[in-house]
Amino acid sequence: MIWLALFSILALLLQRSQCFQHHNAFRERPATNEVVAKILGGEKADLGDYPFLVLLDCYKSSQDVTSYASR
């Protein structure tokens, strides 16, 4: 019985922690979702506000150039 109470308290604390709130933040940013959807759909997207996506795009481009050069 005590373990159940402790587990419930722990679950409540985890639910309110920053970690879980951070995961919900992605769903609350429609602009991010839109950019990701465009990239996954093969469209060009404005990546200026998303430097990590620019880095990923540059990495993918360099891989394409490397694979093309090795042909």
PDB file of N, CA and C in Angstrom:
ATOM      1  N   MET A   1       0.816  -1.189   0.000  1.00  0.00           N
ATOM      2  CA  MET A   1       0.000   0.000   0.000  1.00  0.00           C
ATOM      3  C   MET A   1       0.866   1.261   0.000  1.00  0.00           C
ATOM      4  N   ILE A   2       1.918   1.245   0.802  1.00  0.00           N
ATOM      5  CA  ILE A   2       2.823   2.396   0.851  1.00  0.00           C
ATOM      6  C   ILE A   2       3.514   2.576  -0.496  1.00  0.00           C
ATOM      7  N   TRP A   3       3.888   1.448  -1.132  1.00  0.00           N
ATOM      8  CA  TRP A   3       4.558   1.530  -2.437  1.00  0.00           C
ATOM      9  C   TRP A   3       3.646   2.155  -3.480  1.00  0.00           C
ATOM     10  N   LEU A   4       2.380   1.823  -3.432  1.00  0.00           N
ATOM     11  CA  LEU A   4       1.422   2.392  -4.375  1.00  0.00           C
ATOM     12  C   LEU A   4       1.313   3.902  -4.189  1.00  0.00           C
ATOM     13  N   ALA A   5       1.272   4.349  -2.946  1.00  0.00           N
ATOM     14  CA  ALA A   5       1.203   5.785  -2.661  1.00  0.00           C
ATOM     15  C   ALA A   5       2.471   6.492  -3.134  1.00  0.00           C
ATOM     16  N   LEU A   6       3.628   5.890  -2.862  1.00  0.00           N
ATOM     17  CA  LEU A   6       4.889   6.490  -3.311  1.00  0.00           C
ATOM     18  C   LEU A   6       4.977   6.528  -4.829  1.00  0.00           C
ATOM     19  N   PHE A   7       4.532   5.470  -5.467  1.00  0.00           N
ATOM     20  CA  PHE A   7       4.544   5.426  -6.924  1.00  0.00           C
ATOM     21  C   PHE A   7       3.628   6.492  -7.514  1.00  0.00           C
ATOM     22  N   SER A   8       2.466   6.698  -6.903  1.00  0.00           N
ATOM     23  CA  SER A   8       1.532   7.725  -7.371  1.00  0.00           C
ATOM     24  C   SER A   8       2.131   9.118  -7.235  1.00  0.00           C
ATOM     25  N   ILE A   9       2.798   9.369  -6.122  1.00  0.00           N
ATOM     26  CA  ILE A   9       3.442  10.674  -5.913  1.00  0.00           C
ATOM     27  C   ILE A   9       4.559  10.877  -6.923  1.00  0.00           C
ATOM     28  N   LEU A  10       5.355   9.846  -7.146  1.00  0.00           N
ATOM     29  CA  LEU A  10       6.439   9.935  -8.123  1.00  0.00           C
ATOM     30  C   LEU A  10       5.891  10.198  -9.521  1.00  0.00           C
ATOM     31  N   ALA A  11       4.816   9.520  -9.888  1.00  0.00           N
ATOM     32  CA  ALA A  11       4.204   9.727 -11.200  1.00  0.00           C
ATOM     33  C   ALA A  11       3.703  11.163 -11.345  1.00  0.00           C
ATOM     34  N   LEU A  12       3.118  11.699 -10.296  1.00  0.00           N
ATOM     35  CA  LEU A  12       2.632  13.077 -10.330  1.00  0.00           C
ATOM     36  C   LEU A  12       3.787  14.061 -10.490  1.00  0.00           C
ATOM     37  N   LEU A  13       4.872  13.836  -9.759  1.00  0.00           N
ATOM     38  CA  LEU A  13       6.038  14.716  -9.870  1.00  0.00           C
ATOM     39  C   LEU A  13       6.660  14.642 -11.256  1.00  0.00           C
ATOM     40  N   LEU A  14       6.760  13.459 -11.806  1.00  0.00           N
ATOM     41  CA  LEU A  14       7.323  13.313 -13.149  1.00  0.00           C
ATOM     42  C   LEU A  14       6.453  13.985 -14.196  1.00  0.00           C
ATOM     43  N   GLN A  15       5.156  13.899 -14.010  1.00  0.00           N
ATOM     44  CA  GLN A  15       4.233  14.505 -14.962  1.00  0.00           C
ATOM     45  C   GLN A  15       4.400  16.023 -14.999  1.00  0.00           C
ATOM     46  N   ARG A  16       4.725  16.600 -13.863  1.00  0.00           N
ATOM     47  CA  ARG A  16       4.874  18.055 -13.786  1.00  0.00           C
ATOM     48  C   ARG A  16       6.301  18.528 -14.026  1.00  0.00           C
ATOM     49  N   SER A  17       7.214  17.618 -14.222  1.00  0.00           N
ATOM     50  CA  SER A  17       8.620  17.996 -14.363  1.00  0.00           C
ATOM     51  C   SER A  17       8.869  18.694 -15.696  1.00  0.00           C
ATOM     52  N   GLN A  18       9.982  19.375 -15.780  1.00  0.00           N
ATOM     53  CA  GLN A  18      10.365  20.074 -16.999  1.00  0.00           C
ATOM     54  C   GLN A  18      10.526  19.119 -18.167  1.00  0.00           C
ATOM     55  N   CYS A  19      11.001  17.925 -17.881  1.00  0.00           N
ATOM     56  CA  CYS A  19      11.249  16.958 -18.940  1.00  0.00           C
ATOM     57  C   CYS A  19       9.971  16.653 -19.714  1.00  0.00           C
ATOM     58  N   PHE A  20       8.896  16.384 -19.008  1.00  0.00           N
ATOM     59  CA  PHE A  20       7.655  16.053 -19.689  1.00  0.00           C
ATOM     60  C   PHE A  20       7.045  17.288 -20.337  1.00  0.00           C
ATOM     61  N   GLN A  21       7.210  18.455 -19.738  1.00  0.00           N
ATOM     62  CA  GLN A  21       6.704  19.675 -20.349  1.00  0.00           C
ATOM     63  C   GLN A  21       7.448  19.974 -21.635  1.00  0.00           C
ATOM     64  N   HIS A  22       8.734  19.651 -21.681  1.00  0.00           N
ATOM     65  CA  HIS A  22       9.519  19.883 -22.891  1.00  0.00           C
ATOM     66  C   HIS A  22       8.990  19.037 -24.047  1.00  0.00           C
ATOM     67  N   HIS A  23       8.611  17.792 -23.777  1.00  0.00           N
ATOM     68  CA  HIS A  23       8.086  16.938 -24.840  1.00  0.00           C
ATOM     69  C   HIS A  23       6.766  17.481 -25.374  1.00  0.00           C
ATOM     70  N   ASN A  24       5.967  18.085 -24.531  1.00  0.00           N
ATOM     71  CA  ASN A  24       4.704  18.660 -24.975  1.00  0.00           C
ATOM     72  C   ASN A  24       4.916  19.953 -25.740  1.00  0.00           C
ATOM     73  N   ALA A  25       6.054  20.596 -25.562  1.00  0.00           N
ATOM     74  CA  ALA A  25       6.309  21.876 -26.227  1.00  0.00           C
ATOM     75  C   ALA A  25       6.342  21.716 -27.734  1.00  0.00           C
ATOM     76  N   PHE A  26       6.814  20.582 -28.225  1.00  0.00           N
ATOM     77  CA  PHE A  26       6.892  20.396 -29.674  1.00  0.00           C
ATOM     78  C   PHE A  26       5.500  20.412 -30.291  1.00  0.00           C
ATOM     79  N   ARG A  27       4.534  19.843 -29.610  1.00  0.00           N
ATOM     80  CA  ARG A  27       3.169  19.831 -30.137  1.00  0.00           C
ATOM     81  C   ARG A  27       2.555  21.226 -30.117  1.00  0.00           C
ATOM     82  N   GLU A  28       3.060  22.102 -29.263  1.00  0.00           N
ATOM     83  CA  GLU A  28       2.501  23.441 -29.141  1.00  0.00           C
ATOM     84  C   GLU A  28       3.132  24.423 -30.116  1.00  0.00           C
ATOM     85  N   ARG A  29       4.093  23.980 -30.934  1.00  0.00           N
ATOM     86  CA  ARG A  29       4.754  24.888 -31.870  1.00  0.00           C
ATOM     87  C   ARG A  29       4.378  24.510 -33.293  1.00  0.00           C
ATOM     88  N   PRO A  30       3.273  25.052 -33.825  1.00  0.00           N
ATOM     89  CA  PRO A  30       2.832  24.683 -35.157  1.00  0.00           C
ATOM     90  C   PRO A  30       3.843  25.055 -36.232  1.00  0.00           C
ATOM     91  N   ALA A  31       4.620  26.118 -36.015  1.00  0.00           N
ATOM     92  CA  ALA A  31       5.617  26.501 -37.017  1.00  0.00           C
ATOM     93  C   ALA A  31       6.667  25.407 -37.163  1.00  0.00           C
ATOM     94  N   THR A  32       7.112  24.844 -36.053  1.00  0.00           N
ATOM     95  CA  THR A  32       8.084  23.754 -36.100  1.00  0.00           C
ATOM     96  C   THR A  32       7.480  22.548 -36.792  1.00  0.00           C
ATOM     97  N   ASN A  33       6.257  22.227 -36.456  1.00  0.00           N
ATOM     98  CA  ASN A  33       5.589  21.096 -37.091  1.00  0.00           C
ATOM     99  C   ASN A  33       5.472  21.308 -38.593  1.00  0.00           C
ATOM    100  N   GLU A  34       5.185  22.540 -38.997  1.00  0.00           N
ATOM    101  CA  GLU A  34       5.041  22.846 -40.419  1.00  0.00           C
ATOM    102  C   GLU A  34       6.363  22.669 -41.155  1.00  0.00           C
ATOM    103  N   VAL A  35       7.455  23.150 -40.569  1.00  0.00           N
ATOM    104  CA  VAL A  35       8.767  23.011 -41.201  1.00  0.00           C
ATOM    105  C   VAL A  35       9.145  21.548 -41.324  1.00  0.00           C
ATOM    106  N   VAL A  36       8.942  20.798 -40.260  1.00  0.00           N
ATOM    107  CA  VAL A  36       9.278  19.371 -40.289  1.00  0.00           C
ATOM    108  C   VAL A  36       8.421  18.651 -41.322  1.00  0.00           C
ATOM    109  N   ALA A  37       7.143  18.989 -41.402  1.00  0.00           N
ATOM    110  CA  ALA A  37       6.262  18.354 -42.381  1.00  0.00           C
ATOM    111  C   ALA A  37       6.722  18.657 -43.799  1.00  0.00           C
ATOM    112  N   LYS A  38       7.164  19.883 -44.047  1.00  0.00           N
ATOM    113  CA  LYS A  38       7.649  20.232 -45.382  1.00  0.00           C
ATOM    114  C   LYS A  38       8.907  19.449 -45.727  1.00  0.00           C
ATOM    115  N   ILE A  39       9.810  19.344 -44.762  1.00  0.00           N
ATOM    116  CA  ILE A  39      11.054  18.616 -45.018  1.00  0.00           C
ATOM    117  C   ILE A  39      10.757  17.143 -45.281  1.00  0.00           C
ATOM    118  N   LEU A  40       9.905  16.554 -44.470  1.00  0.00           N
ATOM    119  CA  LEU A  40       9.564  15.144 -44.659  1.00  0.00           C
ATOM    120  C   LEU A  40       8.813  14.924 -45.963  1.00  0.00           C
ATOM    121  N   GLY A  41       8.074  15.935 -46.395  1.00  0.00           N
ATOM    122  CA  GLY A  41       7.341  15.837 -47.653  1.00  0.00           C
ATOM    123  C   GLY A  41       8.197  16.160 -48.861  1.00  0.00           C
ATOM    124  N   GLY A  42       9.442  16.517 -48.651  1.00  0.00           N
ATOM    125  CA  GLY A  42      10.346  16.806 -49.759  1.00  0.00           C
ATOM    126  C   GLY A  42      10.295  18.244 -50.242  1.00  0.00           C
ATOM    127  N   GLU A  43       9.547  19.105 -49.559  1.00  0.00           N
ATOM    128  CA  GLU A  43       9.462  20.506 -49.969  1.00  0.00           C
ATOM    129  C   GLU A  43      10.614  21.300 -49.362  1.00  0.00           C
ATOM    130  N   LYS A  44      10.914  22.422 -49.985  1.00  0.00           N
ATOM    131  CA  LYS A  44      11.894  23.337 -49.405  1.00  0.00           C
ATOM    132  C   LYS A  44      11.192  24.163 -48.336  1.00  0.00           C
ATOM    133  N   ALA A  45      11.861  24.345 -47.215  1.00  0.00           N
ATOM    134  CA  ALA A  45      11.288  25.121 -46.116  1.00  0.00           C
ATOM    135  C   ALA A  45      12.278  26.200 -45.704  1.00  0.00           C
ATOM    136  N   ASP A  46      11.757  27.279 -45.126  1.00  0.00           N
ATOM    137  CA  ASP A  46      12.616  28.334 -44.605  1.00  0.00           C
ATOM    138  C   ASP A  46      13.207  27.846 -43.297  1.00  0.00           C
ATOM    139  N   LEU A  47      14.511  27.601 -43.291  1.00  0.00           N
ATOM    140  CA  LEU A  47      15.150  27.015 -42.122  1.00  0.00           C
ATOM    141  C   LEU A  47      15.897  28.045 -41.282  1.00  0.00           C
ATOM    142  N   GLY A  48      15.705  29.324 -41.536  1.00  0.00           N
ATOM    143  CA  GLY A  48      16.454  30.357 -40.838  1.00  0.00           C
ATOM    144  C   GLY A  48      16.310  30.333 -39.329  1.00  0.00           C
ATOM    145  N   ASP A  49      15.134  29.995 -38.852  1.00  0.00           N
ATOM    146  CA  ASP A  49      14.902  29.966 -37.407  1.00  0.00           C
ATOM    147  C   ASP A  49      15.264  28.629 -36.781  1.00  0.00           C
ATOM    148  N   TYR A  50      15.706  27.703 -37.585  1.00  0.00           N
ATOM    149  CA  TYR A  50      15.973  26.349 -37.101  1.00  0.00           C
ATOM    150  C   TYR A  50      17.382  25.920 -37.498  1.00  0.00           C
ATOM    151  N   PRO A  51      18.414  26.455 -36.812  1.00  0.00           N
ATOM    152  CA  PRO A  51      19.799  26.179 -37.225  1.00  0.00           C
ATOM    153  C   PRO A  51      20.164  24.704 -37.199  1.00  0.00           C
ATOM    154  N   PHE A  52      19.550  23.924 -36.300  1.00  0.00           N
ATOM    155  CA  PHE A  52      19.872  22.494 -36.279  1.00  0.00           C
ATOM    156  C   PHE A  52      19.375  21.813 -37.545  1.00  0.00           C
ATOM    157  N   LEU A  53      18.273  22.319 -38.124  1.00  0.00           N
ATOM    158  CA  LEU A  53      17.788  21.752 -39.376  1.00  0.00           C
ATOM    159  C   LEU A  53      18.662  22.182 -40.544  1.00  0.00           C
ATOM    160  N   VAL A  54      19.212  23.393 -40.479  1.00  0.00           N
ATOM    161  CA  VAL A  54      20.142  23.840 -41.513  1.00  0.00           C
ATOM    162  C   VAL A  54      21.371  22.952 -41.502  1.00  0.00           C
ATOM    163  N   LEU A  55      21.875  22.656 -40.309  1.00  0.00           N
ATOM    164  CA  LEU A  55      23.031  21.779 -40.188  1.00  0.00           C
ATOM    165  C   LEU A  55      22.721  20.404 -40.764  1.00  0.00           C
ATOM    166  N   LEU A  56      21.547  19.876 -40.461  1.00  0.00           N
ATOM    167  CA  LEU A  56      21.144  18.577 -40.990  1.00  0.00           C
ATOM    168  C   LEU A  56      21.030  18.627 -42.505  1.00  0.00           C
ATOM    169  N   ASP A  57      20.462  19.711 -43.032  1.00  0.00           N
ATOM    170  CA  ASP A  57      20.321  19.857 -44.474  1.00  0.00           C
ATOM    171  C   ASP A  57      21.690  19.928 -45.143  1.00  0.00           C
ATOM    172  N   CYS A  58      22.636  20.657 -44.537  1.00  0.00           N
ATOM    173  CA  CYS A  58      23.994  20.745 -45.086  1.00  0.00           C
ATOM    174  C   CYS A  58      24.672  19.383 -45.047  1.00  0.00           C
ATOM    175  N   TYR A  59      24.456  18.644 -43.982  1.00  0.00           N
ATOM    176  CA  TYR A  59      25.050  17.307 -43.867  1.00  0.00           C
ATOM    177  C   TYR A  59      24.490  16.391 -44.946  1.00  0.00           C
ATOM    178  N   LYS A  60      23.171  16.447 -45.155  1.00  0.00           N
ATOM    179  CA  LYS A  60      22.558  15.617 -46.195  1.00  0.00           C
ATOM    180  C   LYS A  60      23.085  16.010 -47.562  1.00  0.00           C
ATOM    181  N   SER A  61      23.251  17.313 -47.808  1.00  0.00           N
ATOM    182  CA  SER A  61      23.762  17.779 -49.096  1.00  0.00           C
ATOM    183  C   SER A  61      25.183  17.299 -49.324  1.00  0.00           C
ATOM    184  N   SER A  62      26.019  17.347 -48.290  1.00  0.00           N
ATOM    185  CA  SER A  62      27.403  16.891 -48.447  1.00  0.00           C
ATOM    186  C   SER A  62      27.444  15.390 -48.687  1.00  0.00           C
ATOM    187  N   GLN A  63      26.526  14.646 -48.107  1.00  0.00           N
ATOM    188  CA  GLN A  63      26.461  13.205 -48.357  1.00  0.00           C
ATOM    189  C   GLN A  63      26.058  12.942 -49.801  1.00  0.00           C
ATOM    190  N   ASP A  64      25.124  13.739 -50.330  1.00  0.00           N
ATOM    191  CA  ASP A  64      24.702  13.574 -51.719  1.00  0.00           C
ATOM    192  C   ASP A  64      25.854  13.859 -52.672  1.00  0.00           C
ATOM    193  N   VAL A  65      26.627  14.911 -52.381  1.00  0.00           N
ATOM    194  CA  VAL A  65      27.768  15.267 -53.224  1.00  0.00           C
ATOM    195  C   VAL A  65      28.816  14.168 -53.175  1.00  0.00           C
ATOM    196  N   THR A  66      29.071  13.632 -51.992  1.00  0.00           N
ATOM    197  CA  THR A  66      30.064  12.570 -51.836  1.00  0.00           C
ATOM    198  C   THR A  66      29.641  11.320 -52.597  1.00  0.00           C
ATOM    199  N   SER A  67      28.369  10.956 -52.498  1.00  0.00           N
ATOM    200  CA  SER A  67      27.908   9.755 -53.200  1.00  0.00           C
ATOM    201  C   SER A  67      27.916   9.975 -54.704  1.00  0.00           C
ATOM    202  N   TYR A  68      27.637  11.200 -55.167  1.00  0.00           N
ATOM    203  CA  TYR A  68      27.664  11.502 -56.592  1.00  0.00           C
ATOM    204  C   TYR A  68      29.098  11.465 -57.120  1.00  0.00           C
ATOM    205  N   ALA A  69      30.044  11.987 -56.333  1.00  0.00           N
ATOM    206  CA  ALA A  69      31.447  12.032 -56.756  1.00  0.00           C
ATOM    207  C   ALA A  69      32.068  10.639 -56.807  1.00  0.00           C
ATOM    208  N   SER A  70      31.559   9.714 -56.015  1.00  0.00           N
ATOM    209  CA  SER A  70      32.146   8.375 -55.991  1.00  0.00           C
ATOM    210  C   SER A  70      31.635   7.488 -57.121  1.00  0.00           C
ATOM    211  N   ARG A  71      30.719   7.982 -57.928  1.00  0.00           N
ATOM    212  CA  ARG A  71      30.179   7.178 -59.041  1.00  0.00           C
ATOM    213  C   ARG A  71      31.144   7.059 -60.165  1.00  0.00           C
TER     214      ARG A  71
END
